[in-house]
Each structure stands twice: as structure tokens, then as C-alpha cells.
Amino acid sequence: MIHASVQQQGLLGVEQLCFLCGLPRSGYYRHWHASAPKQEETALRDAIQKLSLADRKLGYRPILALLRRQGHVVNHKRVRRIRQTDNLLCLRKAAFRPATTDSRHSHVIYPNLAYKLVPKVVNQLWVADITYIRLSEAFVYLAVILDAYSRRIVGWSLADHLRAELALDALDMALAGREVVPDGLIHHSDRGAQYACGDYIDRLAAAGIRPSMSRAGRPWDNAMAESFMATLKREEVDGRAYRDLVDARASIARFLEEVYNQKRLHSALHYWPPAVFETMQQAGLPHAATQLVPDGQATLCV
């Protein structure tokens, strides 16, 4: 009460107010030193709650950095303790990860033709991969094909199985929407049976596409596709609760076609969306790109 009166009035000092209240000044300071840490703890807890709820994917390290920028004097142990106490832990990846790649098969393994290849135009190098998507009570699987030059998703398929048809449907979508020059395109993937089986290789051969596969024990050989899958999980899948396959397909289709291809800016593309970057490349207008993106139609994601 005395501290509040000093703040509100500003006329009487602590000594005068203690005299009027019949309290020793030393007792006031003892009480104030006992209560001040609690107020600081409350203010810190409030700041942590606001930052944690604003973005449920933030861990304690970025929360700690933001708190220090706000002027709080705090260490990581205290931040972790408060977040655990208040049940503000960030969203984590699923503990169980179903396998999507089975390289223990008798199919032919093709050499890595994409090693150190830097594509100069579209449809020179495609990279493919498969990942899992968690539903409320099951898993489904997503196959994608990405143009390595423009980062554009050119083919994808979502199904509740890992048979070769999953990868073939994504390939059919890519072939239907792109003009492929025979022997001018490399298709790179991991060593999974879906990509090494006869039906898939025959489909590539019929289109004049050369198959390429990652080397044994070198998962980074397909780093671009892996990077896209991480982006998909971070920006669309994680934190979502898909009801069923139909719901997941609708949401992922919107992300791939409307957000990722049309709006998402890439640092590797000088911060242009893949679709716009392709249009620029095809039209030869590297300095007129600002005319191709309507206001408010792009989101910055590096």
C-alpha cells in the first residue's frame, strides 16, 4: 500500500508514509524486498506465456532470445522450468516415424547422375521423395516430384499405401503438366523400391528421362527433396489434425498448389515464388518480375 501511494501521489516519501501508517521504515523495505521477486516472476511468466502461445512451434532457445530482447534478465534453465510448469512445451514431431524407403530389393540401382549437377533451366533435373502424413488414427503417404531449377512441385500423390502406384501417380501428374525433351531430363530419387521397380523405370524410359539414385549411405544426395519435405511438415502438416485421407488431400493440395508454388518466396530464387520464377525464366524478364506478382499474393518464407 505504501509503495502504491508513493507511485500515485509522488508528494510524500516513504519515511513520511511509514510515519503516518505507524510502521517502521525497515519493515517496509523488508516487505518490499520479499514481494519484488514475486512480481518479477509474474511479469516473466506472463511474457513467456504470450510468446509461447503466439507460436506453439518455438522452443525455449528462441523464447529466451526474445525475452532478453524485451529486457528480461533470465537464463535458459528458468525459461524451461516455467514452460514445463505452465505446460507450454512446443509442438514436437511424432515419436514414431513409419519407414517410407525400402532399398532391400532386387531391382537395378542406377548411378547418381545428379551429383554436383546445377540445373540451368526447368525440366533438366527432377527430384522425388516420399514421406508420411499422420492422420488422427492412421498414416498416409505423400509422393512428390520437384523441379530442381525452379523448386516447383510438378507432381504429387497422396494415398494410404506405399505401393509403386503412389510414385507412379505423382510421375504421371508431372509428365502431364510439363514438356519433357527426350534425354534432356534426369529424375533423381532414393533407392526405394517404388522408384527402382520395373513399372517406374519403364515409364521414365518411355518419356526419355534418365533415372538417377542416391549413393548408398548418402541421404544428402537427395537433400533438395528432403528439404522440401521438412518445409511441408513445418509449414503445413505439423500442428494440423487431419480427419481422414480426403481432408488431408484437400489441405495438402491447397498448400502445394496455392501456397508453395504460387506464393512462397525462396531465397534460392531471389525471393520469388516458383511459378513466378519460371515465368520470368521463360519470358526472359529478370528485371520485370515485379509486374508478375499481384499485391499481397506472396508470403516471405526463407
C-alpha atoms as a PDB file:
ATOM      1  CA  MET A   1       0.000   0.000   0.000  1.00  0.00           C
ATOM      2  CA  ILE A   2       2.815   2.391   0.862  1.00  0.00           C
ATOM      3  CA  HIS A   3       4.610   1.683  -2.435  1.00  0.00           C
ATOM      4  CA  ALA A   4       1.391   2.240  -4.370  1.00  0.00           C
ATOM      5  CA  SER A   5       0.809   5.540  -2.571  1.00  0.00           C
ATOM      6  CA  VAL A   6       4.315   6.728  -3.430  1.00  0.00           C
ATOM      7  CA  GLN A   7       3.763   5.902  -7.111  1.00  0.00           C
ATOM      8  CA  GLN A   8       0.338   7.543  -7.245  1.00  0.00           C
ATOM      9  CA  GLN A   9       0.975  10.675  -5.193  1.00  0.00           C
ATOM     10  CA  GLY A  10       4.647  11.359  -5.610  1.00  0.00           C
ATOM     11  CA  LEU A  11       4.449  14.026  -2.871  1.00  0.00           C
ATOM     12  CA  LEU A  12       5.155  12.105   0.299  1.00  0.00           C
ATOM     13  CA  GLY A  13       8.209   9.970   0.630  1.00  0.00           C
ATOM     14  CA  VAL A  14       8.496   6.509   2.125  1.00  0.00           C
ATOM     15  CA  GLU A  15       9.560   7.860   5.515  1.00  0.00           C
ATOM     16  CA  GLN A  16       6.530  10.190   5.827  1.00  0.00           C
ATOM     17  CA  LEU A  17       4.086   7.482   4.727  1.00  0.00           C
ATOM     18  CA  CYS A  18       5.560   4.972   7.176  1.00  0.00           C
ATOM     19  CA  PHE A  19       5.184   7.554   9.979  1.00  0.00           C
ATOM     20  CA  LEU A  20       1.538   8.209   9.046  1.00  0.00           C
ATOM     21  CA  CYS A  21       0.814   4.474   8.981  1.00  0.00           C
ATOM     22  CA  GLY A  22       2.641   3.854  12.257  1.00  0.00           C
ATOM     23  CA  LEU A  23       5.095   1.437  10.648  1.00  0.00           C
ATOM     24  CA  PRO A  24       8.887   1.320  10.856  1.00  0.00           C
ATOM     25  CA  ARG A  25      10.668   2.132   7.632  1.00  0.00           C
ATOM     26  CA  SER A  26      12.809  -1.009   7.924  1.00  0.00           C
ATOM     27  CA  GLY A  27       9.659  -3.140   7.942  1.00  0.00           C
ATOM     28  CA  TYR A  28       8.511  -1.575   4.686  1.00  0.00           C
ATOM     29  CA  TYR A  29      11.799  -2.371   2.960  1.00  0.00           C
ATOM     30  CA  ARG A  30      11.817  -5.937   4.283  1.00  0.00           C
ATOM     31  CA  HIS A  31       8.326  -6.453   2.863  1.00  0.00           C
ATOM     32  CA  TRP A  32       9.233  -4.835  -0.460  1.00  0.00           C
ATOM     33  CA  HIS A  33      12.351  -6.988  -0.971  1.00  0.00           C
ATOM     34  CA  ALA A  34      10.259 -10.075  -0.250  1.00  0.00           C
ATOM     35  CA  SER A  35       7.481  -9.196  -2.697  1.00  0.00           C
ATOM     36  CA  ALA A  36       9.519  -7.694  -5.574  1.00  0.00           C
ATOM     37  CA  PRO A  37      10.866 -11.073  -6.821  1.00  0.00           C
ATOM     38  CA  LYS A  38       7.312 -12.424  -6.981  1.00  0.00           C
ATOM     39  CA  GLN A  39       6.213  -9.510  -9.150  1.00  0.00           C
ATOM     40  CA  GLU A  40       9.207 -10.018 -11.427  1.00  0.00           C
ATOM     41  CA  GLU A  41       8.397 -13.730 -11.665  1.00  0.00           C
ATOM     42  CA  THR A  42       4.795 -12.919 -12.584  1.00  0.00           C
ATOM     43  CA  ALA A  43       5.890 -10.471 -15.287  1.00  0.00           C
ATOM     44  CA  LEU A  44       8.353 -13.005 -16.718  1.00  0.00           C
ATOM     45  CA  ARG A  45       5.771 -15.795 -16.662  1.00  0.00           C
ATOM     46  CA  ASP A  46       3.306 -13.545 -18.474  1.00  0.00           C
ATOM     47  CA  ALA A  47       5.868 -12.726 -21.171  1.00  0.00           C
ATOM     48  CA  ILE A  48       6.732 -16.427 -21.643  1.00  0.00           C
ATOM     49  CA  GLN A  49       3.072 -17.350 -21.934  1.00  0.00           C
ATOM     50  CA  LYS A  50       2.429 -14.689 -24.569  1.00  0.00           C
ATOM     51  CA  LEU A  51       5.450 -15.695 -26.667  1.00  0.00           C
ATOM     52  CA  SER A  52       4.711 -19.422 -26.364  1.00  0.00           C
ATOM     53  CA  LEU A  53       1.054 -19.101 -27.310  1.00  0.00           C
ATOM     54  CA  ALA A  54       1.824 -16.752 -30.206  1.00  0.00           C
ATOM     55  CA  ASP A  55       3.845 -19.519 -31.899  1.00  0.00           C
ATOM     56  CA  ARG A  56       3.497 -23.035 -30.485  1.00  0.00           C
ATOM     57  CA  LYS A  57       6.461 -24.249 -32.541  1.00  0.00           C
ATOM     58  CA  LEU A  58       9.015 -22.046 -30.718  1.00  0.00           C
ATOM     59  CA  GLY A  59      11.390 -23.869 -28.401  1.00  0.00           C
ATOM     60  CA  TYR A  60      12.956 -22.468 -25.258  1.00  0.00           C
ATOM     61  CA  ARG A  61      16.043 -21.114 -27.065  1.00  0.00           C
ATOM     62  CA  PRO A  62      14.210 -18.640 -29.360  1.00  0.00           C
ATOM     63  CA  ILE A  63      11.899 -17.792 -26.441  1.00  0.00           C
ATOM     64  CA  LEU A  64      14.986 -16.985 -24.361  1.00  0.00           C
ATOM     65  CA  ALA A  65      16.369 -14.721 -27.100  1.00  0.00           C
ATOM     66  CA  LEU A  66      13.067 -12.846 -27.419  1.00  0.00           C
ATOM     67  CA  LEU A  67      12.804 -12.393 -23.657  1.00  0.00           C
ATOM     68  CA  ARG A  68      16.283 -10.911 -23.454  1.00  0.00           C
ATOM     69  CA  ARG A  69      15.426  -8.518 -26.273  1.00  0.00           C
ATOM     70  CA  GLN A  70      12.478  -7.379 -24.180  1.00  0.00           C
ATOM     71  CA  GLY A  71      14.831  -6.596 -21.284  1.00  0.00           C
ATOM     72  CA  HIS A  72      14.287  -9.634 -19.075  1.00  0.00           C
ATOM     73  CA  VAL A  73      17.342 -10.937 -17.229  1.00  0.00           C
ATOM     74  CA  VAL A  74      16.845 -14.688 -17.389  1.00  0.00           C
ATOM     75  CA  ASN A  75      18.694 -17.893 -18.296  1.00  0.00           C
ATOM     76  CA  HIS A  76      17.575 -20.926 -20.265  1.00  0.00           C
ATOM     77  CA  LYS A  77      17.025 -23.119 -17.187  1.00  0.00           C
ATOM     78  CA  ARG A  78      14.464 -20.728 -15.787  1.00  0.00           C
ATOM     79  CA  VAL A  79      12.647 -20.453 -19.110  1.00  0.00           C
ATOM     80  CA  ARG A  80      12.465 -24.237 -19.435  1.00  0.00           C
ATOM     81  CA  ARG A  81      11.204 -24.595 -15.842  1.00  0.00           C
ATOM     82  CA  ILE A  82       8.418 -22.057 -16.316  1.00  0.00           C
ATOM     83  CA  ARG A  83       7.351 -23.544 -19.656  1.00  0.00           C
ATOM     84  CA  GLN A  84       7.228 -27.027 -18.156  1.00  0.00           C
ATOM     85  CA  THR A  85       5.300 -25.837 -15.121  1.00  0.00           C
ATOM     86  CA  ASP A  86       2.742 -24.000 -17.262  1.00  0.00           C
ATOM     87  CA  ASN A  87       2.525 -26.807 -19.854  1.00  0.00           C
ATOM     88  CA  LEU A  88       3.759 -24.526 -22.624  1.00  0.00           C
ATOM     89  CA  LEU A  89       6.014 -27.029 -24.349  1.00  0.00           C
ATOM     90  CA  CYS A  90       6.339 -26.570 -28.101  1.00  0.00           C
ATOM     91  CA  LEU A  91       4.767 -28.945 -30.592  1.00  0.00           C
ATOM     92  CA  ARG A  92       7.076 -31.875 -31.216  1.00  0.00           C
ATOM     93  CA  LYS A  93       7.479 -34.230 -34.115  1.00  0.00           C
ATOM     94  CA  ALA A  94       5.785 -37.580 -33.821  1.00  0.00           C
ATOM     95  CA  ALA A  95       7.882 -40.123 -31.955  1.00  0.00           C
ATOM     96  CA  PHE A  96       7.029 -42.927 -34.380  1.00  0.00           C
ATOM     97  CA  ARG A  97       8.101 -42.462 -37.969  1.00  0.00           C
ATOM     98  CA  PRO A  98       6.931 -45.131 -40.381  1.00  0.00           C
ATOM     99  CA  ALA A  99       9.543 -46.165 -42.909  1.00  0.00           C
ATOM    100  CA  THR A 100       8.931 -44.928 -46.443  1.00  0.00           C
ATOM    101  CA  THR A 101      12.064 -46.249 -48.152  1.00  0.00           C
ATOM    102  CA  ASP A 102      12.826 -49.926 -48.708  1.00  0.00           C
ATOM    103  CA  SER A 103      16.129 -50.299 -50.542  1.00  0.00           C
ATOM    104  CA  ARG A 104      16.408 -54.027 -49.841  1.00  0.00           C
ATOM    105  CA  HIS A 105      15.163 -55.243 -53.190  1.00  0.00           C
ATOM    106  CA  SER A 106      16.467 -56.990 -56.301  1.00  0.00           C
ATOM    107  CA  HIS A 107      15.827 -54.151 -58.751  1.00  0.00           C
ATOM    108  CA  VAL A 108      18.645 -52.396 -60.597  1.00  0.00           C
ATOM    109  CA  ILE A 109      20.224 -49.472 -58.749  1.00  0.00           C
ATOM    110  CA  TYR A 110      21.137 -46.609 -61.090  1.00  0.00           C
ATOM    111  CA  PRO A 111      24.169 -44.341 -60.606  1.00  0.00           C
ATOM    112  CA  ASN A 112      23.868 -40.834 -59.207  1.00  0.00           C
ATOM    113  CA  LEU A 113      23.703 -38.542 -62.258  1.00  0.00           C
ATOM    114  CA  ALA A 114      22.625 -35.530 -60.205  1.00  0.00           C
ATOM    115  CA  TYR A 115      25.836 -35.352 -58.191  1.00  0.00           C
ATOM    116  CA  LYS A 116      27.150 -31.762 -58.464  1.00  0.00           C
ATOM    117  CA  LEU A 117      24.691 -31.038 -61.279  1.00  0.00           C
ATOM    118  CA  VAL A 118      23.483 -27.424 -61.191  1.00  0.00           C
ATOM    119  CA  PRO A 119      20.396 -27.115 -63.462  1.00  0.00           C
ATOM    120  CA  LYS A 120      20.279 -24.067 -65.719  1.00  0.00           C
ATOM    121  CA  VAL A 121      16.688 -24.386 -66.960  1.00  0.00           C
ATOM    122  CA  VAL A 122      13.462 -26.077 -65.943  1.00  0.00           C
ATOM    123  CA  ASN A 123      12.919 -29.757 -66.746  1.00  0.00           C
ATOM    124  CA  GLN A 124      16.616 -30.532 -66.529  1.00  0.00           C
ATOM    125  CA  LEU A 125      16.566 -32.200 -63.104  1.00  0.00           C
ATOM    126  CA  TRP A 126      13.602 -33.518 -61.130  1.00  0.00           C
ATOM    127  CA  VAL A 127      13.984 -34.795 -57.572  1.00  0.00           C
ATOM    128  CA  ALA A 128      11.480 -37.166 -55.990  1.00  0.00           C
ATOM    129  CA  ASP A 129      10.768 -38.379 -52.487  1.00  0.00           C
ATOM    130  CA  ILE A 130       8.082 -39.962 -50.283  1.00  0.00           C
ATOM    131  CA  THR A 131       7.076 -39.024 -46.747  1.00  0.00           C
ATOM    132  CA  TYR A 132       4.364 -39.981 -44.286  1.00  0.00           C
ATOM    133  CA  ILE A 133       1.461 -37.835 -43.063  1.00  0.00           C
ATOM    134  CA  ARG A 134      -0.180 -38.579 -39.713  1.00  0.00           C
ATOM    135  CA  LEU A 135      -3.973 -38.707 -39.561  1.00  0.00           C
ATOM    136  CA  SER A 136      -5.971 -38.978 -36.346  1.00  0.00           C
ATOM    137  CA  GLU A 137      -5.876 -42.777 -36.370  1.00  0.00           C
ATOM    138  CA  ALA A 138      -3.604 -43.803 -39.242  1.00  0.00           C
ATOM    139  CA  PHE A 139      -0.807 -42.810 -41.600  1.00  0.00           C
ATOM    140  CA  VAL A 140      -0.977 -41.855 -45.259  1.00  0.00           C
ATOM    141  CA  TYR A 141       1.893 -41.281 -47.653  1.00  0.00           C
ATOM    142  CA  LEU A 142       2.815 -38.403 -49.942  1.00  0.00           C
ATOM    143  CA  ALA A 143       4.982 -38.710 -53.057  1.00  0.00           C
ATOM    144  CA  VAL A 144       6.274 -35.515 -54.653  1.00  0.00           C
ATOM    145  CA  ILE A 145       8.362 -34.555 -57.661  1.00  0.00           C
ATOM    146  CA  LEU A 146      10.124 -31.195 -57.572  1.00  0.00           C
ATOM    147  CA  ASP A 147      11.868 -29.296 -60.374  1.00  0.00           C
ATOM    148  CA  ALA A 148      15.353 -28.602 -59.032  1.00  0.00           C
ATOM    149  CA  TYR A 149      15.744 -25.374 -61.022  1.00  0.00           C
ATOM    150  CA  SER A 150      12.547 -23.584 -60.013  1.00  0.00           C
ATOM    151  CA  ARG A 151      11.755 -25.531 -56.793  1.00  0.00           C
ATOM    152  CA  ARG A 152       8.255 -26.013 -58.169  1.00  0.00           C
ATOM    153  CA  ILE A 153       6.231 -29.090 -57.229  1.00  0.00           C
ATOM    154  CA  VAL A 154       5.389 -30.578 -60.619  1.00  0.00           C
ATOM    155  CA  GLY A 155       3.770 -33.814 -59.450  1.00  0.00           C
ATOM    156  CA  TRP A 156       2.382 -35.272 -56.249  1.00  0.00           C
ATOM    157  CA  SER A 157       0.178 -38.063 -54.983  1.00  0.00           C
ATOM    158  CA  LEU A 158      -1.338 -38.921 -51.594  1.00  0.00           C
ATOM    159  CA  ALA A 159      -2.525 -42.421 -50.720  1.00  0.00           C
ATOM    160  CA  ASP A 160      -2.893 -44.819 -47.811  1.00  0.00           C
ATOM    161  CA  HIS A 161      -0.291 -47.261 -49.182  1.00  0.00           C
ATOM    162  CA  LEU A 162       3.349 -47.374 -50.255  1.00  0.00           C
ATOM    163  CA  ARG A 163       2.925 -49.384 -53.438  1.00  0.00           C
ATOM    164  CA  ALA A 164       4.561 -48.295 -56.673  1.00  0.00           C
ATOM    165  CA  GLU A 165       1.280 -46.709 -57.830  1.00  0.00           C
ATOM    166  CA  LEU A 166       1.853 -43.907 -55.306  1.00  0.00           C
ATOM    167  CA  ALA A 167       5.058 -42.790 -57.018  1.00  0.00           C
ATOM    168  CA  LEU A 168       3.664 -43.529 -60.483  1.00  0.00           C
ATOM    169  CA  ASP A 169       0.657 -41.246 -59.930  1.00  0.00           C
ATOM    170  CA  ALA A 170       2.989 -38.382 -58.990  1.00  0.00           C
ATOM    171  CA  LEU A 171       5.088 -39.072 -62.085  1.00  0.00           C
ATOM    172  CA  ASP A 172       2.018 -39.134 -64.318  1.00  0.00           C
ATOM    173  CA  MET A 173       0.959 -35.726 -62.979  1.00  0.00           C
ATOM    174  CA  ALA A 174       4.409 -34.312 -63.682  1.00  0.00           C
ATOM    175  CA  LEU A 175       4.513 -35.708 -67.213  1.00  0.00           C
ATOM    176  CA  ALA A 176       1.015 -34.398 -67.957  1.00  0.00           C
ATOM    177  CA  GLY A 177       1.916 -30.862 -66.954  1.00  0.00           C
ATOM    178  CA  ARG A 178       5.465 -30.488 -68.280  1.00  0.00           C
ATOM    179  CA  GLU A 179       7.099 -30.599 -71.695  1.00  0.00           C
ATOM    180  CA  VAL A 180       9.985 -33.032 -71.454  1.00  0.00           C
ATOM    181  CA  VAL A 181      12.748 -33.125 -74.050  1.00  0.00           C
ATOM    182  CA  PRO A 182      13.866 -36.748 -74.589  1.00  0.00           C
ATOM    183  CA  ASP A 183      17.232 -37.430 -72.954  1.00  0.00           C
ATOM    184  CA  GLY A 184      17.245 -33.884 -71.560  1.00  0.00           C
ATOM    185  CA  LEU A 185      15.860 -34.637 -68.094  1.00  0.00           C
ATOM    186  CA  ILE A 186      17.290 -36.518 -65.113  1.00  0.00           C
ATOM    187  CA  HIS A 187      14.946 -37.976 -62.496  1.00  0.00           C
ATOM    188  CA  HIS A 188      16.709 -38.329 -59.139  1.00  0.00           C
ATOM    189  CA  SER A 189      15.389 -40.253 -56.146  1.00  0.00           C
ATOM    190  CA  ASP A 190      16.455 -42.505 -53.316  1.00  0.00           C
ATOM    191  CA  ARG A 191      16.899 -46.268 -53.794  1.00  0.00           C
ATOM    192  CA  GLY A 192      13.380 -47.146 -52.722  1.00  0.00           C
ATOM    193  CA  ALA A 193      11.557 -49.986 -54.421  1.00  0.00           C
ATOM    194  CA  GLN A 194       8.862 -47.598 -55.669  1.00  0.00           C
ATOM    195  CA  TYR A 195      11.425 -45.805 -57.866  1.00  0.00           C
ATOM    196  CA  ALA A 196      13.538 -48.822 -58.821  1.00  0.00           C
ATOM    197  CA  CYS A 197      10.732 -51.161 -59.851  1.00  0.00           C
ATOM    198  CA  GLY A 198      10.218 -52.080 -63.485  1.00  0.00           C
ATOM    199  CA  ASP A 199       6.981 -50.136 -63.963  1.00  0.00           C
ATOM    200  CA  TYR A 200       8.534 -46.874 -62.818  1.00  0.00           C
ATOM    201  CA  ILE A 201      11.732 -47.296 -64.821  1.00  0.00           C
ATOM    202  CA  ASP A 202       9.716 -48.221 -67.911  1.00  0.00           C
ATOM    203  CA  ARG A 203       7.610 -45.070 -67.511  1.00  0.00           C
ATOM    204  CA  LEU A 204      10.769 -42.956 -67.300  1.00  0.00           C
ATOM    205  CA  ALA A 205      12.271 -44.677 -70.331  1.00  0.00           C
ATOM    206  CA  ALA A 206       9.114 -44.142 -72.378  1.00  0.00           C
ATOM    207  CA  ALA A 207       9.340 -40.400 -71.670  1.00  0.00           C
ATOM    208  CA  GLY A 208      13.061 -40.251 -72.452  1.00  0.00           C
ATOM    209  CA  ILE A 209      14.009 -39.491 -68.824  1.00  0.00           C
ATOM    210  CA  ARG A 210      17.241 -40.814 -67.346  1.00  0.00           C
ATOM    211  CA  PRO A 211      16.942 -42.330 -63.828  1.00  0.00           C
ATOM    212  CA  SER A 212      19.366 -41.344 -61.072  1.00  0.00           C
ATOM    213  CA  MET A 213      19.568 -42.615 -57.493  1.00  0.00           C
ATOM    214  CA  SER A 214      21.347 -41.608 -54.315  1.00  0.00           C
ATOM    215  CA  ARG A 215      24.509 -43.406 -53.329  1.00  0.00           C
ATOM    216  CA  ALA A 216      24.411 -45.960 -50.520  1.00  0.00           C
ATOM    217  CA  GLY A 217      24.548 -44.340 -47.108  1.00  0.00           C
ATOM    218  CA  ARG A 218      24.372 -40.803 -48.579  1.00  0.00           C
ATOM    219  CA  PRO A 219      20.954 -39.373 -47.662  1.00  0.00           C
ATOM    220  CA  TRP A 220      22.203 -35.871 -48.501  1.00  0.00           C
ATOM    221  CA  ASP A 221      22.349 -36.893 -52.168  1.00  0.00           C
ATOM    222  CA  ASN A 222      18.630 -36.093 -52.229  1.00  0.00           C
ATOM    223  CA  ALA A 223      18.923 -33.040 -49.969  1.00  0.00           C
ATOM    224  CA  MET A 224      16.640 -30.779 -52.026  1.00  0.00           C
ATOM    225  CA  ALA A 225      13.707 -33.173 -51.789  1.00  0.00           C
ATOM    226  CA  GLU A 226      14.410 -33.767 -48.097  1.00  0.00           C
ATOM    227  CA  SER A 227      14.479 -30.001 -47.531  1.00  0.00           C
ATOM    228  CA  PHE A 228      11.104 -29.596 -49.182  1.00  0.00           C
ATOM    229  CA  MET A 229       9.616 -32.343 -47.012  1.00  0.00           C
ATOM    230  CA  ALA A 230      10.889 -30.527 -43.929  1.00  0.00           C
ATOM    231  CA  THR A 231       9.239 -27.326 -45.184  1.00  0.00           C
ATOM    232  CA  LEU A 232       5.976 -29.170 -45.793  1.00  0.00           C
ATOM    233  CA  LYS A 233       5.975 -30.627 -42.293  1.00  0.00           C
ATOM    234  CA  ARG A 234       6.900 -27.331 -40.652  1.00  0.00           C
ATOM    235  CA  GLU A 235       4.529 -25.038 -42.541  1.00  0.00           C
ATOM    236  CA  GLU A 236       1.537 -27.285 -43.238  1.00  0.00           C
ATOM    237  CA  VAL A 237       1.473 -30.689 -41.550  1.00  0.00           C
ATOM    238  CA  ASP A 238       2.819 -30.133 -38.021  1.00  0.00           C
ATOM    239  CA  GLY A 239       0.104 -28.997 -35.669  1.00  0.00           C
ATOM    240  CA  ARG A 240      -2.706 -29.979 -38.035  1.00  0.00           C
ATOM    241  CA  ALA A 241      -5.294 -32.632 -37.226  1.00  0.00           C
ATOM    242  CA  TYR A 242      -6.481 -34.152 -40.497  1.00  0.00           C
ATOM    243  CA  ARG A 243      -9.720 -36.073 -40.091  1.00  0.00           C
ATOM    244  CA  ASP A 244      -9.143 -38.538 -42.899  1.00  0.00           C
ATOM    245  CA  LEU A 245      -7.463 -39.008 -46.267  1.00  0.00           C
ATOM    246  CA  VAL A 246      -9.938 -36.724 -48.035  1.00  0.00           C
ATOM    247  CA  ASP A 247      -9.325 -33.894 -45.567  1.00  0.00           C
ATOM    248  CA  ALA A 248      -5.553 -34.338 -45.771  1.00  0.00           C
ATOM    249  CA  ARG A 249      -5.607 -34.379 -49.577  1.00  0.00           C
ATOM    250  CA  ALA A 250      -7.624 -31.139 -49.762  1.00  0.00           C
ATOM    251  CA  SER A 251      -5.394 -29.290 -47.298  1.00  0.00           C
ATOM    252  CA  ILE A 252      -2.118 -30.503 -48.778  1.00  0.00           C
ATOM    253  CA  ALA A 253      -3.312 -29.756 -52.317  1.00  0.00           C
ATOM    254  CA  ARG A 254      -4.065 -26.185 -51.276  1.00  0.00           C
ATOM    255  CA  PHE A 255      -0.626 -25.813 -49.712  1.00  0.00           C
ATOM    256  CA  LEU A 256       1.251 -27.284 -52.676  1.00  0.00           C
ATOM    257  CA  GLU A 257      -0.649 -25.590 -55.494  1.00  0.00           C
ATOM    258  CA  GLU A 258      -1.764 -22.283 -53.982  1.00  0.00           C
ATOM    259  CA  VAL A 259       0.776 -21.515 -51.272  1.00  0.00           C
ATOM    260  CA  TYR A 260       4.067 -23.250 -52.068  1.00  0.00           C
ATOM    261  CA  ASN A 261       4.085 -22.948 -55.865  1.00  0.00           C
ATOM    262  CA  GLN A 262       2.339 -19.590 -56.185  1.00  0.00           C
ATOM    263  CA  LYS A 263       3.149 -17.538 -53.068  1.00  0.00           C
ATOM    264  CA  ARG A 264       6.050 -18.897 -51.048  1.00  0.00           C
ATOM    265  CA  LEU A 265       9.244 -16.899 -51.575  1.00  0.00           C
ATOM    266  CA  HIS A 266      12.557 -18.749 -51.817  1.00  0.00           C
ATOM    267  CA  SER A 267      15.965 -17.316 -51.044  1.00  0.00           C
ATOM    268  CA  ALA A 268      17.457 -19.556 -53.766  1.00  0.00           C
ATOM    269  CA  LEU A 269      15.099 -17.910 -56.284  1.00  0.00           C
ATOM    270  CA  HIS A 270      15.968 -14.343 -55.253  1.00  0.00           C
ATOM    271  CA  TYR A 271      12.810 -14.338 -53.115  1.00  0.00           C
ATOM    272  CA  TRP A 272      10.292 -15.170 -55.830  1.00  0.00           C
ATOM    273  CA  PRO A 273       7.688 -17.942 -55.800  1.00  0.00           C
ATOM    274  CA  PRO A 274       8.471 -20.944 -58.024  1.00  0.00           C
ATOM    275  CA  ALA A 275       5.654 -20.248 -60.512  1.00  0.00           C
ATOM    276  CA  VAL A 276       6.700 -16.615 -60.941  1.00  0.00           C
ATOM    277  CA  PHE A 277      10.363 -17.589 -61.220  1.00  0.00           C
ATOM    278  CA  GLU A 278       9.535 -19.999 -64.023  1.00  0.00           C
ATOM    279  CA  THR A 279       7.538 -17.317 -65.853  1.00  0.00           C
ATOM    280  CA  MET A 280      10.465 -14.917 -65.537  1.00  0.00           C
ATOM    281  CA  GLN A 281      12.886 -17.518 -66.845  1.00  0.00           C
ATOM    282  CA  GLN A 282      10.701 -18.471 -69.793  1.00  0.00           C
ATOM    283  CA  ALA A 283       9.910 -14.864 -70.718  1.00  0.00           C
ATOM    284  CA  GLY A 284      13.466 -13.663 -70.225  1.00  0.00           C
ATOM    285  CA  LEU A 285      12.331 -10.814 -67.942  1.00  0.00           C
ATOM    286  CA  PRO A 286      14.686 -10.909 -64.936  1.00  0.00           C
ATOM    287  CA  HIS A 287      14.119  -7.208 -64.205  1.00  0.00           C
ATOM    288  CA  ALA A 288      10.365  -7.055 -64.862  1.00  0.00           C
ATOM    289  CA  ALA A 289       9.321  -9.603 -62.272  1.00  0.00           C
ATOM    290  CA  THR A 290       7.566  -7.040 -60.124  1.00  0.00           C
ATOM    291  CA  GLN A 291       4.828  -6.906 -62.736  1.00  0.00           C
ATOM    292  CA  LEU A 292       4.086 -10.594 -62.301  1.00  0.00           C
ATOM    293  CA  VAL A 293       3.129 -10.725 -58.599  1.00  0.00           C
ATOM    294  CA  PRO A 294      -0.137  -9.019 -57.532  1.00  0.00           C
ATOM    295  CA  ASP A 295      -0.006  -7.068 -54.275  1.00  0.00           C
ATOM    296  CA  GLY A 296      -0.472  -9.246 -51.215  1.00  0.00           C
ATOM    297  CA  GLN A 297      -0.119 -12.505 -53.158  1.00  0.00           C
ATOM    298  CA  ALA A 298       3.266 -13.587 -51.782  1.00  0.00           C
ATOM    299  CA  THR A 299       4.461 -14.580 -48.331  1.00  0.00           C
ATOM    300  CA  LEU A 300       8.070 -14.349 -47.207  1.00  0.00           C
ATOM    301  CA  CYS A 301       9.405 -17.737 -46.099  1.00  0.00           C
ATOM    302  CA  VAL A 302      13.138 -18.297 -46.278  1.00  0.00           C
END
